[in-house]
Amino acid sequence: MKRILLVVLVMFTMSPLMQLAAQEKDDATEIHWISIDELQAKMRQEPRKVYIDMYTDWCGWCRKMEATTFQNQNVIKYMNQKFYCVKFNAERKDTIRFMGKYYYFDPAARANNLAAEWMHGQLSYPTAIFMEERFQNPVPVPGYQEVKTMEMILKYFGENIYKSKKWEDYQKDFIQYW
């Protein structure tokens, strides 16, 4: 009976550790993309910087970035640790409620108004949108990013360097690790 209790106790002790290990492994294998609704809920619980991957279904560079840059283990780990990550199809036609405001598809722009707002009207795909913890100051970074450039951009925003150093100066001093 003591052996059975010991085995059961070990199983209950190991189970959370195994789940944690599985979660850490999962963190290292894919970016945790969430929806706009999930983003708003998570921000109420634990504010964090936001990374939005603005894409379209027809965009070849968007698909390439998904197949290359977003598969890099360092990119995945850093994004999961520092940002809430959202994949946002700029041409989605459904109505979106964000921060108490409704956004609609604009046929003239061929994009949802929220995408146009975040990209300051400069629609180009892919575009990374970086936001501060309270959805403030969206900064669009257009274009396909290779891993080495992505590392520099992610760290610029993720480490709050953008608050104290100009991009040009940061680029000169940046040391690549990935």
N, C-alpha and C. Protein backbone atom coordinates (compact mmCIF):
# COMPACT_ATOMS: atom_id res chain seq x y z
N MET A 1 0.82 -1.19 0.00
CA MET A 1 0.00 0.00 0.00
C MET A 1 0.87 1.25 0.00
N LYS A 2 1.97 1.24 0.76
CA LYS A 2 2.85 2.39 0.81
C LYS A 2 3.49 2.63 -0.56
N ARG A 3 3.82 1.54 -1.26
CA ARG A 3 4.41 1.68 -2.59
C ARG A 3 3.41 2.31 -3.56
N ILE A 4 2.17 1.89 -3.47
CA ILE A 4 1.14 2.45 -4.35
C ILE A 4 0.97 3.94 -4.08
N LEU A 5 0.92 4.31 -2.81
CA LEU A 5 0.80 5.72 -2.45
C LEU A 5 2.02 6.52 -2.93
N LEU A 6 3.18 5.91 -2.80
CA LEU A 6 4.40 6.58 -3.26
C LEU A 6 4.36 6.80 -4.77
N VAL A 7 3.94 5.78 -5.51
CA VAL A 7 3.85 5.88 -6.96
C VAL A 7 2.84 6.97 -7.35
N VAL A 8 1.69 6.99 -6.70
CA VAL A 8 0.66 7.99 -6.98
C VAL A 8 1.19 9.39 -6.66
N LEU A 9 1.88 9.53 -5.54
CA LEU A 9 2.45 10.81 -5.15
C LEU A 9 3.48 11.29 -6.17
N VAL A 10 4.33 10.39 -6.63
CA VAL A 10 5.34 10.74 -7.63
C VAL A 10 4.65 11.14 -8.93
N MET A 11 3.60 10.43 -9.32
CA MET A 11 2.88 10.76 -10.55
C MET A 11 2.27 12.15 -10.47
N PHE A 12 1.65 12.49 -9.33
CA PHE A 12 1.05 13.82 -9.17
C PHE A 12 2.11 14.91 -9.14
N THR A 13 3.26 14.61 -8.60
CA THR A 13 4.35 15.58 -8.54
C THR A 13 4.95 15.78 -9.93
N MET A 14 5.11 14.72 -10.67
CA MET A 14 5.74 14.79 -11.99
C MET A 14 4.81 15.38 -13.04
N SER A 15 3.52 15.19 -12.90
CA SER A 15 2.57 15.66 -13.92
C SER A 15 2.70 17.15 -14.21
N PRO A 16 2.69 18.04 -13.20
CA PRO A 16 2.86 19.46 -13.51
C PRO A 16 4.22 19.78 -14.14
N LEU A 17 5.26 19.07 -13.72
CA LEU A 17 6.58 19.28 -14.30
C LEU A 17 6.60 18.86 -15.77
N MET A 18 5.93 17.77 -16.07
CA MET A 18 5.87 17.30 -17.45
C MET A 18 5.06 18.28 -18.31
N GLN A 19 3.98 18.83 -17.75
CA GLN A 19 3.19 19.81 -18.49
C GLN A 19 4.01 21.07 -18.75
N LEU A 20 4.76 21.51 -17.76
CA LEU A 20 5.60 22.68 -17.91
C LEU A 20 6.67 22.44 -18.98
N ALA A 21 7.27 21.27 -18.96
CA ALA A 21 8.28 20.94 -19.97
C ALA A 21 7.66 20.90 -21.36
N ALA A 22 6.46 20.36 -21.47
CA ALA A 22 5.76 20.32 -22.76
C ALA A 22 5.45 21.73 -23.23
N GLN A 23 5.04 22.60 -22.30
CA GLN A 23 4.73 23.98 -22.66
C GLN A 23 5.99 24.70 -23.12
N GLU A 24 7.12 24.50 -22.42
CA GLU A 24 8.36 25.12 -22.82
C GLU A 24 8.79 24.63 -24.20
N LYS A 25 8.59 23.34 -24.46
CA LYS A 25 8.92 22.79 -25.77
C LYS A 25 8.03 23.43 -26.81
N ASP A 26 6.74 23.58 -26.50
CA ASP A 26 5.80 24.20 -27.41
C ASP A 26 6.21 25.64 -27.69
N ASP A 27 6.66 26.36 -26.65
CA ASP A 27 7.10 27.74 -26.82
C ASP A 27 8.24 27.83 -27.83
N ALA A 28 9.04 26.81 -27.90
CA ALA A 28 10.21 26.84 -28.76
C ALA A 28 9.91 26.35 -30.17
N THR A 29 8.71 25.86 -30.45
CA THR A 29 8.42 25.30 -31.75
C THR A 29 7.45 26.12 -32.59
N GLU A 30 6.71 27.02 -31.98
CA GLU A 30 5.79 27.84 -32.77
C GLU A 30 5.45 29.14 -32.03
N ILE A 31 5.13 30.13 -32.80
CA ILE A 31 4.69 31.40 -32.23
C ILE A 31 3.25 31.22 -31.77
N HIS A 32 2.95 31.74 -30.61
CA HIS A 32 1.58 31.65 -30.07
C HIS A 32 0.74 32.80 -30.61
N TRP A 33 0.16 32.57 -31.78
CA TRP A 33 -0.69 33.58 -32.40
C TRP A 33 -2.04 33.58 -31.70
N ILE A 34 -2.55 34.77 -31.39
CA ILE A 34 -3.86 34.89 -30.75
C ILE A 34 -4.73 35.83 -31.58
N SER A 35 -6.04 35.79 -31.32
CA SER A 35 -6.97 36.64 -32.04
C SER A 35 -7.04 38.03 -31.40
N ILE A 36 -7.69 38.95 -32.07
CA ILE A 36 -7.88 40.31 -31.54
C ILE A 36 -8.68 40.24 -30.24
N ASP A 37 -9.70 39.40 -30.19
CA ASP A 37 -10.50 39.27 -28.96
C ASP A 37 -9.66 38.72 -27.81
N GLU A 38 -8.85 37.68 -28.10
CA GLU A 38 -7.96 37.13 -27.07
C GLU A 38 -6.95 38.17 -26.61
N LEU A 39 -6.46 38.96 -27.55
CA LEU A 39 -5.49 40.00 -27.22
C LEU A 39 -6.08 40.99 -26.21
N GLN A 40 -7.28 41.44 -26.47
CA GLN A 40 -7.90 42.41 -25.57
C GLN A 40 -8.12 41.82 -24.18
N ALA A 41 -8.51 40.56 -24.12
CA ALA A 41 -8.72 39.90 -22.82
C ALA A 41 -7.39 39.74 -22.08
N LYS A 42 -6.35 39.30 -22.79
CA LYS A 42 -5.04 39.11 -22.15
C LYS A 42 -4.46 40.43 -21.66
N MET A 43 -4.67 41.49 -22.41
CA MET A 43 -4.13 42.79 -22.02
C MET A 43 -4.76 43.30 -20.72
N ARG A 44 -6.01 42.92 -20.48
CA ARG A 44 -6.66 43.33 -19.22
C ARG A 44 -6.03 42.59 -18.04
N GLN A 45 -5.59 41.36 -18.26
CA GLN A 45 -5.00 40.54 -17.19
C GLN A 45 -3.53 40.85 -16.99
N GLU A 46 -2.77 40.91 -18.08
CA GLU A 46 -1.32 41.11 -18.00
C GLU A 46 -0.85 41.92 -19.21
N PRO A 47 -0.77 43.23 -19.09
CA PRO A 47 -0.32 44.05 -20.23
C PRO A 47 1.08 43.65 -20.70
N ARG A 48 1.24 43.68 -22.01
CA ARG A 48 2.51 43.30 -22.63
C ARG A 48 2.58 43.99 -23.99
N LYS A 49 3.76 44.12 -24.53
CA LYS A 49 3.89 44.67 -25.87
C LYS A 49 3.18 43.75 -26.88
N VAL A 50 2.81 44.34 -28.01
CA VAL A 50 2.05 43.61 -29.03
C VAL A 50 2.80 43.61 -30.35
N TYR A 51 2.82 42.45 -30.99
CA TYR A 51 3.34 42.30 -32.34
C TYR A 51 2.19 41.83 -33.21
N ILE A 52 1.89 42.57 -34.27
CA ILE A 52 0.83 42.18 -35.18
C ILE A 52 1.44 41.92 -36.55
N ASP A 53 1.21 40.72 -37.06
CA ASP A 53 1.65 40.36 -38.40
C ASP A 53 0.51 40.69 -39.35
N MET A 54 0.64 41.80 -40.07
CA MET A 54 -0.37 42.23 -41.03
C MET A 54 -0.07 41.55 -42.36
N TYR A 55 -1.01 40.73 -42.81
CA TYR A 55 -0.79 39.95 -44.02
C TYR A 55 -2.05 39.93 -44.87
N THR A 56 -1.94 39.34 -46.06
CA THR A 56 -3.10 39.04 -46.90
C THR A 56 -2.93 37.62 -47.42
N ASP A 57 -4.02 37.03 -47.87
CA ASP A 57 -3.95 35.66 -48.38
C ASP A 57 -3.13 35.55 -49.67
N TRP A 58 -3.10 36.58 -50.48
CA TRP A 58 -2.43 36.53 -51.77
C TRP A 58 -0.95 36.93 -51.71
N CYS A 59 -0.48 37.36 -50.56
CA CYS A 59 0.87 37.92 -50.42
C CYS A 59 1.94 36.82 -50.36
N GLY A 60 2.76 36.75 -51.40
CA GLY A 60 3.84 35.75 -51.45
C GLY A 60 4.91 35.99 -50.39
N TRP A 61 5.27 37.25 -50.14
CA TRP A 61 6.28 37.57 -49.12
C TRP A 61 5.76 37.23 -47.73
N CYS A 62 4.46 37.36 -47.53
CA CYS A 62 3.87 36.98 -46.24
C CYS A 62 4.04 35.48 -46.01
N ARG A 63 3.77 34.70 -47.05
CA ARG A 63 3.93 33.24 -46.95
C ARG A 63 5.40 32.86 -46.73
N LYS A 64 6.30 33.58 -47.42
CA LYS A 64 7.72 33.29 -47.25
C LYS A 64 8.16 33.59 -45.82
N MET A 65 7.68 34.69 -45.26
CA MET A 65 8.06 35.05 -43.90
C MET A 65 7.54 34.00 -42.91
N GLU A 66 6.33 33.51 -43.17
CA GLU A 66 5.76 32.45 -42.32
C GLU A 66 6.60 31.19 -42.40
N ALA A 67 7.10 30.87 -43.59
CA ALA A 67 7.85 29.63 -43.80
C ALA A 67 9.31 29.73 -43.36
N THR A 68 9.83 30.94 -43.22
CA THR A 68 11.25 31.10 -42.89
C THR A 68 11.43 31.79 -41.53
N THR A 69 11.26 33.07 -41.52
CA THR A 69 11.54 33.87 -40.31
C THR A 69 10.74 33.39 -39.11
N PHE A 70 9.45 33.15 -39.30
CA PHE A 70 8.60 32.74 -38.19
C PHE A 70 8.81 31.28 -37.79
N GLN A 71 9.71 30.58 -38.45
CA GLN A 71 10.05 29.21 -38.07
C GLN A 71 11.38 29.14 -37.32
N ASN A 72 12.09 30.25 -37.25
CA ASN A 72 13.38 30.30 -36.56
C ASN A 72 13.16 30.19 -35.05
N GLN A 73 13.87 29.29 -34.41
CA GLN A 73 13.67 29.03 -32.98
C GLN A 73 13.95 30.26 -32.11
N ASN A 74 14.93 31.06 -32.45
CA ASN A 74 15.22 32.27 -31.68
C ASN A 74 14.11 33.31 -31.82
N VAL A 75 13.62 33.46 -33.03
CA VAL A 75 12.50 34.40 -33.27
C VAL A 75 11.28 33.94 -32.49
N ILE A 76 10.97 32.67 -32.57
CA ILE A 76 9.81 32.10 -31.88
C ILE A 76 9.91 32.35 -30.37
N LYS A 77 11.03 31.98 -29.81
CA LYS A 77 11.21 32.11 -28.36
C LYS A 77 11.11 33.56 -27.91
N TYR A 78 11.77 34.45 -28.63
CA TYR A 78 11.76 35.86 -28.25
C TYR A 78 10.35 36.46 -28.37
N MET A 79 9.68 36.17 -29.47
CA MET A 79 8.34 36.72 -29.67
C MET A 79 7.38 36.20 -28.60
N ASN A 80 7.46 34.93 -28.28
CA ASN A 80 6.57 34.36 -27.26
C ASN A 80 6.84 34.94 -25.87
N GLN A 81 8.08 35.29 -25.59
CA GLN A 81 8.43 35.84 -24.28
C GLN A 81 8.07 37.31 -24.15
N LYS A 82 8.25 38.07 -25.20
CA LYS A 82 8.14 39.53 -25.10
C LYS A 82 6.82 40.13 -25.58
N PHE A 83 6.12 39.43 -26.45
CA PHE A 83 4.96 40.02 -27.12
C PHE A 83 3.73 39.12 -27.06
N TYR A 84 2.57 39.75 -27.13
CA TYR A 84 1.37 39.05 -27.56
C TYR A 84 1.40 39.17 -29.07
N CYS A 85 1.26 38.04 -29.76
CA CYS A 85 1.39 38.03 -31.21
C CYS A 85 0.04 37.75 -31.87
N VAL A 86 -0.28 38.57 -32.84
CA VAL A 86 -1.55 38.47 -33.55
C VAL A 86 -1.29 38.40 -35.04
N LYS A 87 -1.90 37.43 -35.72
CA LYS A 87 -1.91 37.39 -37.18
C LYS A 87 -3.20 38.09 -37.61
N PHE A 88 -3.07 39.08 -38.46
CA PHE A 88 -4.24 39.88 -38.85
C PHE A 88 -4.30 39.98 -40.36
N ASN A 89 -5.33 39.36 -40.94
CA ASN A 89 -5.55 39.46 -42.37
C ASN A 89 -6.14 40.84 -42.65
N ALA A 90 -5.36 41.69 -43.29
CA ALA A 90 -5.77 43.08 -43.52
C ALA A 90 -7.02 43.18 -44.38
N GLU A 91 -7.32 42.14 -45.15
CA GLU A 91 -8.48 42.16 -46.03
C GLU A 91 -9.69 41.43 -45.46
N ARG A 92 -9.66 41.16 -44.19
CA ARG A 92 -10.81 40.46 -43.59
C ARG A 92 -12.05 41.33 -43.70
N LYS A 93 -13.16 40.68 -43.96
CA LYS A 93 -14.39 41.41 -44.25
C LYS A 93 -15.37 41.47 -43.08
N ASP A 94 -15.06 40.77 -42.01
CA ASP A 94 -15.96 40.80 -40.86
C ASP A 94 -15.78 42.10 -40.08
N THR A 95 -16.76 42.40 -39.24
CA THR A 95 -16.69 43.58 -38.39
C THR A 95 -15.86 43.25 -37.17
N ILE A 96 -14.97 44.14 -36.81
CA ILE A 96 -14.08 43.93 -35.68
C ILE A 96 -14.38 44.97 -34.63
N ARG A 97 -14.50 44.53 -33.40
CA ARG A 97 -14.65 45.46 -32.28
C ARG A 97 -13.32 45.49 -31.54
N PHE A 98 -12.72 46.66 -31.52
CA PHE A 98 -11.42 46.81 -30.86
C PHE A 98 -11.44 48.09 -30.04
N MET A 99 -11.17 47.94 -28.75
CA MET A 99 -11.13 49.06 -27.82
C MET A 99 -12.43 49.89 -27.88
N GLY A 100 -13.57 49.18 -27.97
CA GLY A 100 -14.86 49.83 -27.94
C GLY A 100 -15.29 50.47 -29.25
N LYS A 101 -14.51 50.32 -30.29
CA LYS A 101 -14.83 50.92 -31.58
C LYS A 101 -14.99 49.80 -32.62
N TYR A 102 -15.88 50.02 -33.58
CA TYR A 102 -16.12 49.03 -34.63
C TYR A 102 -15.36 49.40 -35.90
N TYR A 103 -14.78 48.36 -36.52
CA TYR A 103 -14.01 48.54 -37.75
C TYR A 103 -14.59 47.64 -38.83
N TYR A 104 -14.66 48.18 -40.06
CA TYR A 104 -15.30 47.49 -41.17
C TYR A 104 -14.36 47.39 -42.35
N PHE A 105 -14.72 46.51 -43.26
CA PHE A 105 -13.98 46.39 -44.51
C PHE A 105 -14.31 47.58 -45.39
N ASP A 106 -13.28 48.20 -45.95
CA ASP A 106 -13.43 49.33 -46.86
C ASP A 106 -13.11 48.85 -48.27
N PRO A 107 -14.14 48.67 -49.12
CA PRO A 107 -13.89 48.15 -50.47
C PRO A 107 -12.93 49.04 -51.28
N ALA A 108 -12.99 50.35 -51.10
CA ALA A 108 -12.11 51.25 -51.85
C ALA A 108 -10.64 50.99 -51.50
N ALA A 109 -10.36 50.74 -50.24
CA ALA A 109 -8.98 50.48 -49.80
C ALA A 109 -8.62 49.00 -49.91
N ARG A 110 -9.64 48.16 -50.10
CA ARG A 110 -9.46 46.70 -50.11
C ARG A 110 -8.83 46.22 -48.81
N ALA A 111 -9.24 46.84 -47.70
CA ALA A 111 -8.68 46.47 -46.39
C ALA A 111 -9.67 46.84 -45.30
N ASN A 112 -9.49 46.21 -44.16
CA ASN A 112 -10.27 46.57 -42.99
C ASN A 112 -9.75 47.91 -42.46
N ASN A 113 -10.66 48.75 -41.98
CA ASN A 113 -10.27 50.07 -41.47
C ASN A 113 -9.25 49.99 -40.33
N LEU A 114 -9.33 48.93 -39.53
CA LEU A 114 -8.38 48.79 -38.43
C LEU A 114 -6.95 48.59 -38.98
N ALA A 115 -6.82 47.78 -40.02
CA ALA A 115 -5.51 47.59 -40.65
C ALA A 115 -4.99 48.92 -41.19
N ALA A 116 -5.85 49.65 -41.87
CA ALA A 116 -5.45 50.95 -42.43
C ALA A 116 -5.05 51.93 -41.32
N GLU A 117 -5.77 51.90 -40.21
CA GLU A 117 -5.44 52.79 -39.09
C GLU A 117 -4.07 52.43 -38.50
N TRP A 118 -3.84 51.15 -38.25
CA TRP A 118 -2.57 50.72 -37.66
C TRP A 118 -1.39 50.98 -38.59
N MET A 119 -1.64 50.89 -39.91
CA MET A 119 -0.56 51.10 -40.87
C MET A 119 -0.51 52.54 -41.35
N HIS A 120 -1.23 53.41 -40.68
CA HIS A 120 -1.24 54.85 -41.01
C HIS A 120 -1.56 55.09 -42.48
N GLY A 121 -2.46 54.26 -43.02
CA GLY A 121 -2.90 54.41 -44.40
C GLY A 121 -1.93 53.91 -45.44
N GLN A 122 -0.77 53.44 -45.05
CA GLN A 122 0.26 52.94 -45.98
C GLN A 122 0.14 51.42 -46.07
N LEU A 123 -0.78 50.93 -46.88
CA LEU A 123 -1.06 49.50 -46.96
C LEU A 123 0.00 48.79 -47.78
N SER A 124 0.72 47.91 -47.12
CA SER A 124 1.80 47.14 -47.72
C SER A 124 1.95 45.87 -46.91
N TYR A 125 2.24 44.75 -47.62
CA TYR A 125 2.26 43.46 -46.95
C TYR A 125 3.52 42.69 -47.30
N PRO A 126 4.08 42.01 -46.32
CA PRO A 126 3.70 42.01 -44.90
C PRO A 126 4.14 43.30 -44.22
N THR A 127 3.47 43.62 -43.14
CA THR A 127 3.87 44.73 -42.28
C THR A 127 3.77 44.25 -40.84
N ALA A 128 4.81 44.51 -40.08
CA ALA A 128 4.78 44.21 -38.64
C ALA A 128 4.32 45.48 -37.94
N ILE A 129 3.39 45.32 -37.01
CA ILE A 129 2.91 46.45 -36.22
C ILE A 129 3.36 46.19 -34.78
N PHE A 130 4.07 47.13 -34.21
CA PHE A 130 4.49 47.04 -32.81
C PHE A 130 3.68 48.05 -32.01
N MET A 131 3.17 47.59 -30.85
CA MET A 131 2.41 48.48 -29.97
C MET A 131 2.88 48.34 -28.55
N GLU A 132 2.74 49.43 -27.82
CA GLU A 132 3.08 49.42 -26.41
C GLU A 132 1.98 48.69 -25.63
N GLU A 133 2.21 48.54 -24.35
CA GLU A 133 1.36 47.72 -23.50
C GLU A 133 -0.11 48.13 -23.45
N ARG A 134 -0.43 49.35 -23.73
CA ARG A 134 -1.82 49.81 -23.68
C ARG A 134 -2.36 50.14 -25.06
N PHE A 135 -1.88 49.40 -26.08
CA PHE A 135 -2.27 49.60 -27.48
C PHE A 135 -1.93 51.00 -27.96
N GLN A 136 -0.91 51.58 -27.39
CA GLN A 136 -0.54 52.94 -27.76
C GLN A 136 0.55 52.93 -28.83
N ASN A 137 0.57 53.99 -29.59
CA ASN A 137 1.63 54.26 -30.55
C ASN A 137 1.95 53.10 -31.49
N PRO A 138 1.00 52.69 -32.34
CA PRO A 138 1.33 51.62 -33.28
C PRO A 138 2.43 52.06 -34.24
N VAL A 139 3.46 51.23 -34.36
CA VAL A 139 4.58 51.52 -35.26
C VAL A 139 4.61 50.45 -36.34
N PRO A 140 4.29 50.82 -37.58
CA PRO A 140 4.35 49.84 -38.66
C PRO A 140 5.76 49.71 -39.22
N VAL A 141 6.17 48.47 -39.44
CA VAL A 141 7.48 48.19 -40.05
C VAL A 141 7.17 47.32 -41.28
N PRO A 142 7.14 47.94 -42.46
CA PRO A 142 6.73 47.19 -43.65
C PRO A 142 7.84 46.30 -44.20
N GLY A 143 7.40 45.25 -44.90
CA GLY A 143 8.31 44.42 -45.66
C GLY A 143 8.66 43.08 -45.03
N TYR A 144 9.15 42.22 -45.90
CA TYR A 144 9.65 40.91 -45.48
C TYR A 144 10.92 41.12 -44.66
N GLN A 145 11.04 40.40 -43.55
CA GLN A 145 12.22 40.52 -42.69
C GLN A 145 12.91 39.17 -42.57
N GLU A 146 14.18 39.14 -42.91
CA GLU A 146 14.99 37.94 -42.67
C GLU A 146 15.27 37.86 -41.17
N VAL A 147 15.73 36.72 -40.72
CA VAL A 147 15.96 36.49 -39.29
C VAL A 147 16.90 37.54 -38.71
N LYS A 148 18.00 37.83 -39.38
CA LYS A 148 18.97 38.78 -38.82
C LYS A 148 18.37 40.17 -38.66
N THR A 149 17.56 40.60 -39.60
CA THR A 149 16.90 41.90 -39.48
C THR A 149 15.79 41.84 -38.44
N MET A 150 15.09 40.72 -38.42
CA MET A 150 14.00 40.55 -37.45
C MET A 150 14.54 40.61 -36.03
N GLU A 151 15.69 40.01 -35.79
CA GLU A 151 16.29 40.07 -34.45
C GLU A 151 16.50 41.52 -34.03
N MET A 152 17.05 42.30 -34.93
CA MET A 152 17.34 43.69 -34.63
C MET A 152 16.05 44.47 -34.34
N ILE A 153 15.03 44.26 -35.14
CA ILE A 153 13.76 44.97 -34.97
C ILE A 153 13.07 44.54 -33.68
N LEU A 154 12.99 43.22 -33.46
CA LEU A 154 12.31 42.72 -32.25
C LEU A 154 12.97 43.25 -30.98
N LYS A 155 14.28 43.24 -30.96
CA LYS A 155 14.99 43.70 -29.75
C LYS A 155 14.88 45.21 -29.58
N TYR A 156 14.82 45.94 -30.67
CA TYR A 156 14.66 47.39 -30.61
C TYR A 156 13.37 47.75 -29.87
N PHE A 157 12.31 47.03 -30.19
CA PHE A 157 11.03 47.29 -29.53
C PHE A 157 10.89 46.50 -28.23
N GLY A 158 11.29 45.25 -28.24
CA GLY A 158 11.12 44.39 -27.07
C GLY A 158 11.91 44.83 -25.86
N GLU A 159 13.06 45.46 -26.08
CA GLU A 159 13.91 45.91 -24.98
C GLU A 159 13.74 47.41 -24.69
N ASN A 160 12.75 48.02 -25.31
CA ASN A 160 12.45 49.46 -25.13
C ASN A 160 13.57 50.38 -25.58
N ILE A 161 14.43 49.91 -26.44
CA ILE A 161 15.53 50.73 -26.92
C ILE A 161 14.99 51.91 -27.74
N TYR A 162 13.86 51.70 -28.41
CA TYR A 162 13.25 52.75 -29.23
C TYR A 162 12.92 54.01 -28.43
N LYS A 163 12.82 53.86 -27.12
CA LYS A 163 12.47 55.01 -26.27
C LYS A 163 13.66 55.93 -26.01
N SER A 164 14.86 55.41 -26.20
CA SER A 164 16.04 56.21 -25.86
C SER A 164 17.06 56.36 -26.98
N LYS A 165 16.88 55.62 -28.08
CA LYS A 165 17.89 55.64 -29.13
C LYS A 165 17.24 55.66 -30.50
N LYS A 166 17.74 56.47 -31.39
CA LYS A 166 17.25 56.52 -32.76
C LYS A 166 17.62 55.24 -33.48
N TRP A 167 16.76 54.82 -34.40
CA TRP A 167 16.95 53.60 -35.14
C TRP A 167 18.32 53.57 -35.84
N GLU A 168 18.69 54.66 -36.45
CA GLU A 168 19.96 54.72 -37.18
C GLU A 168 21.15 54.45 -36.25
N ASP A 169 21.12 55.04 -35.06
CA ASP A 169 22.21 54.83 -34.09
C ASP A 169 22.20 53.40 -33.57
N TYR A 170 21.02 52.88 -33.33
CA TYR A 170 20.87 51.51 -32.86
C TYR A 170 21.45 50.51 -33.86
N GLN A 171 21.14 50.72 -35.14
CA GLN A 171 21.63 49.83 -36.18
C GLN A 171 23.16 49.77 -36.21
N LYS A 172 23.80 50.91 -36.02
CA LYS A 172 25.26 50.98 -36.06
C LYS A 172 25.90 50.16 -34.93
N ASP A 173 25.25 50.17 -33.76
CA ASP A 173 25.81 49.52 -32.57
C ASP A 173 25.34 48.08 -32.38
N PHE A 174 24.36 47.65 -33.17
CA PHE A 174 23.74 46.35 -32.93
C PHE A 174 24.71 45.20 -33.21
N ILE A 175 24.72 44.25 -32.29
CA ILE A 175 25.51 43.02 -32.45
C ILE A 175 24.53 41.86 -32.58
N GLN A 176 24.63 41.17 -33.69
CA GLN A 176 23.73 40.06 -33.97
C GLN A 176 24.14 38.81 -33.21
N TYR A 177 23.15 38.12 -32.61
CA TYR A 177 23.41 36.89 -31.88
C TYR A 177 22.76 35.67 -32.53
N TRP A 178 21.69 35.89 -33.26
CA TRP A 178 20.98 34.73 -33.81
C TRP A 178 21.61 34.32 -35.09
